[in-house]
Amino acid sequence: MTTPQSEIDVLRREFLESTDADLFKFDLAFGVARNIVEYEDPDLLGQFPSWVGDMVHDICDSYRQHSHYGIISNLGEADHSEMVGKLVKLLDGRA
């Protein structure tokens, strides 16, 4: 399955092409990771600059090291372990 172009366009427009793009690097990487899982589309990484792929792989490395993945913000902690576990399997299956 491939990610719909409309999803790619949103990620590009909202995060990559924003005037504050430097502030949204992690948001873009996490959005790409989420779409890779949702659409089972590891090739999506090729649609974005290599630094996005590096950040997605960093997310995977953190999951491998800690066996979980959460994000802490001013709203509290959100556990994304299930999604990142699927991401790791999709990207490892591609290697």
C-alpha atoms as a PDB file:
ATOM      1  CA  MET A   1       0.000   0.000   0.000  1.00  0.00           C
ATOM      2  CA  THR A   2       1.285   3.486  -0.682  1.00  0.00           C
ATOM      3  CA  THR A   3       0.687   6.719   1.145  1.00  0.00           C
ATOM      4  CA  PRO A   4      -1.882   8.898  -0.646  1.00  0.00           C
ATOM      5  CA  GLN A   5      -0.381  11.958  -2.283  1.00  0.00           C
ATOM      6  CA  SER A   6      -2.759  14.129  -0.252  1.00  0.00           C
ATOM      7  CA  GLU A   7      -1.089  12.915   2.976  1.00  0.00           C
ATOM      8  CA  ILE A   8       2.379  13.618   1.567  1.00  0.00           C
ATOM      9  CA  ASP A   9       1.262  17.086   0.476  1.00  0.00           C
ATOM     10  CA  VAL A  10      -0.007  17.890   3.971  1.00  0.00           C
ATOM     11  CA  LEU A  11       3.288  16.830   5.563  1.00  0.00           C
ATOM     12  CA  ARG A  12       5.261  18.889   3.060  1.00  0.00           C
ATOM     13  CA  ARG A  13       3.054  21.961   3.306  1.00  0.00           C
ATOM     14  CA  GLU A  14       2.492  21.966   7.074  1.00  0.00           C
ATOM     15  CA  PHE A  15       5.981  21.007   8.206  1.00  0.00           C
ATOM     16  CA  LEU A  16       8.639  21.003   5.495  1.00  0.00           C
ATOM     17  CA  GLU A  17       7.666  24.157   3.619  1.00  0.00           C
ATOM     18  CA  SER A  18       6.547  26.143   6.668  1.00  0.00           C
ATOM     19  CA  THR A  19       8.309  29.424   7.418  1.00  0.00           C
ATOM     20  CA  ASP A  20       9.101  27.875  10.822  1.00  0.00           C
ATOM     21  CA  ALA A  21      10.201  24.519   9.396  1.00  0.00           C
ATOM     22  CA  ASP A  22      13.150  24.224  11.785  1.00  0.00           C
ATOM     23  CA  LEU A  23      10.715  24.179  14.701  1.00  0.00           C
ATOM     24  CA  PHE A  24       8.748  21.302  13.199  1.00  0.00           C
ATOM     25  CA  LYS A  25      11.487  18.835  12.237  1.00  0.00           C
ATOM     26  CA  PHE A  26      10.458  16.251  14.820  1.00  0.00           C
ATOM     27  CA  ASP A  27       6.768  16.718  13.975  1.00  0.00           C
ATOM     28  CA  LEU A  28       7.523  16.015  10.329  1.00  0.00           C
ATOM     29  CA  ALA A  29       9.616  12.935  11.152  1.00  0.00           C
ATOM     30  CA  PHE A  30       6.929  11.601  13.489  1.00  0.00           C
ATOM     31  CA  GLY A  31       4.222  12.284  10.890  1.00  0.00           C
ATOM     32  CA  VAL A  32       6.216  10.402   8.268  1.00  0.00           C
ATOM     33  CA  ALA A  33       6.730   7.525  10.734  1.00  0.00           C
ATOM     34  CA  ARG A  34       3.010   7.416  11.490  1.00  0.00           C
ATOM     35  CA  ASN A  35       2.163   7.292   7.767  1.00  0.00           C
ATOM     36  CA  ILE A  36       4.717   4.555   7.136  1.00  0.00           C
ATOM     37  CA  VAL A  37       2.852   2.439   9.678  1.00  0.00           C
ATOM     38  CA  GLU A  38      -0.669   3.450   8.670  1.00  0.00           C
ATOM     39  CA  TYR A  39      -0.089   2.752   4.976  1.00  0.00           C
ATOM     40  CA  GLU A  40       2.599   0.072   5.410  1.00  0.00           C
ATOM     41  CA  ASP A  41       4.788   2.231   3.180  1.00  0.00           C
ATOM     42  CA  PRO A  42       8.489   2.205   4.160  1.00  0.00           C
ATOM     43  CA  ASP A  43       9.303   3.715   0.754  1.00  0.00           C
ATOM     44  CA  LEU A  44       7.749   6.963   1.980  1.00  0.00           C
ATOM     45  CA  LEU A  45      11.138   7.890   3.446  1.00  0.00           C
ATOM     46  CA  GLY A  46      12.387   8.447  -0.104  1.00  0.00           C
ATOM     47  CA  GLN A  47       9.858  11.262  -0.565  1.00  0.00           C
ATOM     48  CA  PHE A  48      11.570  13.440   2.063  1.00  0.00           C
ATOM     49  CA  PRO A  49      15.067  14.795   2.750  1.00  0.00           C
ATOM     50  CA  SER A  50      17.555  12.331   4.239  1.00  0.00           C
ATOM     51  CA  TRP A  51      17.506  14.074   7.626  1.00  0.00           C
ATOM     52  CA  VAL A  52      13.868  12.999   8.007  1.00  0.00           C
ATOM     53  CA  GLY A  53      14.924   9.386   7.506  1.00  0.00           C
ATOM     54  CA  ASP A  54      17.726   9.866  10.026  1.00  0.00           C
ATOM     55  CA  MET A  55      15.220  11.132  12.594  1.00  0.00           C
ATOM     56  CA  VAL A  56      12.816   8.258  11.896  1.00  0.00           C
ATOM     57  CA  HIS A  57      15.675   5.792  12.371  1.00  0.00           C
ATOM     58  CA  ASP A  58      16.572   7.552  15.645  1.00  0.00           C
ATOM     59  CA  ILE A  59      13.000   6.946  16.822  1.00  0.00           C
ATOM     60  CA  CYS A  60      13.438   3.262  15.936  1.00  0.00           C
ATOM     61  CA  ASP A  61      16.805   3.078  17.703  1.00  0.00           C
ATOM     62  CA  SER A  62      15.281   4.530  20.863  1.00  0.00           C
ATOM     63  CA  TYR A  63      12.529   1.906  20.754  1.00  0.00           C
ATOM     64  CA  ARG A  64      15.054  -0.886  20.258  1.00  0.00           C
ATOM     65  CA  GLN A  65      17.115   0.356  23.188  1.00  0.00           C
ATOM     66  CA  HIS A  66      14.244   0.896  25.652  1.00  0.00           C
ATOM     67  CA  SER A  67      11.533  -1.465  24.315  1.00  0.00           C
ATOM     68  CA  HIS A  68       9.045   1.403  24.409  1.00  0.00           C
ATOM     69  CA  TYR A  69       8.608   4.858  22.936  1.00  0.00           C
ATOM     70  CA  GLY A  70       6.834   7.761  24.567  1.00  0.00           C
ATOM     71  CA  ILE A  71       6.723  11.492  24.061  1.00  0.00           C
ATOM     72  CA  ILE A  72       6.521  13.887  26.973  1.00  0.00           C
ATOM     73  CA  SER A  73       5.003  17.320  26.437  1.00  0.00           C
ATOM     74  CA  ASN A  74       3.240  19.935  28.499  1.00  0.00           C
ATOM     75  CA  LEU A  75       0.113  17.789  28.089  1.00  0.00           C
ATOM     76  CA  GLY A  76       1.753  14.770  29.724  1.00  0.00           C
ATOM     77  CA  GLU A  77       3.240  11.577  28.365  1.00  0.00           C
ATOM     78  CA  ALA A  78       1.878   9.763  25.322  1.00  0.00           C
ATOM     79  CA  ASP A  79       2.888   6.155  24.763  1.00  0.00           C
ATOM     80  CA  HIS A  80       3.576   5.429  21.090  1.00  0.00           C
ATOM     81  CA  SER A  81       5.238   2.053  21.667  1.00  0.00           C
ATOM     82  CA  GLU A  82       2.754   0.067  19.614  1.00  0.00           C
ATOM     83  CA  MET A  83       3.089   2.316  16.568  1.00  0.00           C
ATOM     84  CA  VAL A  84       6.877   2.534  16.778  1.00  0.00           C
ATOM     85  CA  GLY A  85       7.128  -1.246  17.255  1.00  0.00           C
ATOM     86  CA  LYS A  86       5.252  -1.672  13.962  1.00  0.00           C
ATOM     87  CA  LEU A  87       7.503   0.959  12.364  1.00  0.00           C
ATOM     88  CA  VAL A  88      10.616  -0.967  13.408  1.00  0.00           C
ATOM     89  CA  LYS A  89       9.231  -4.181  11.902  1.00  0.00           C
ATOM     90  CA  LEU A  90       8.337  -2.446   8.636  1.00  0.00           C
ATOM     91  CA  LEU A  91      11.725  -0.784   8.291  1.00  0.00           C
ATOM     92  CA  ASP A  92      13.671  -3.882   9.397  1.00  0.00           C
ATOM     93  CA  GLY A  93      11.767  -5.962   6.855  1.00  0.00           C
ATOM     94  CA  ARG A  94      13.005  -3.613   4.187  1.00  0.00           C
ATOM     95  CA  ALA A  95      16.685  -4.029   5.038  1.00  0.00           C
END
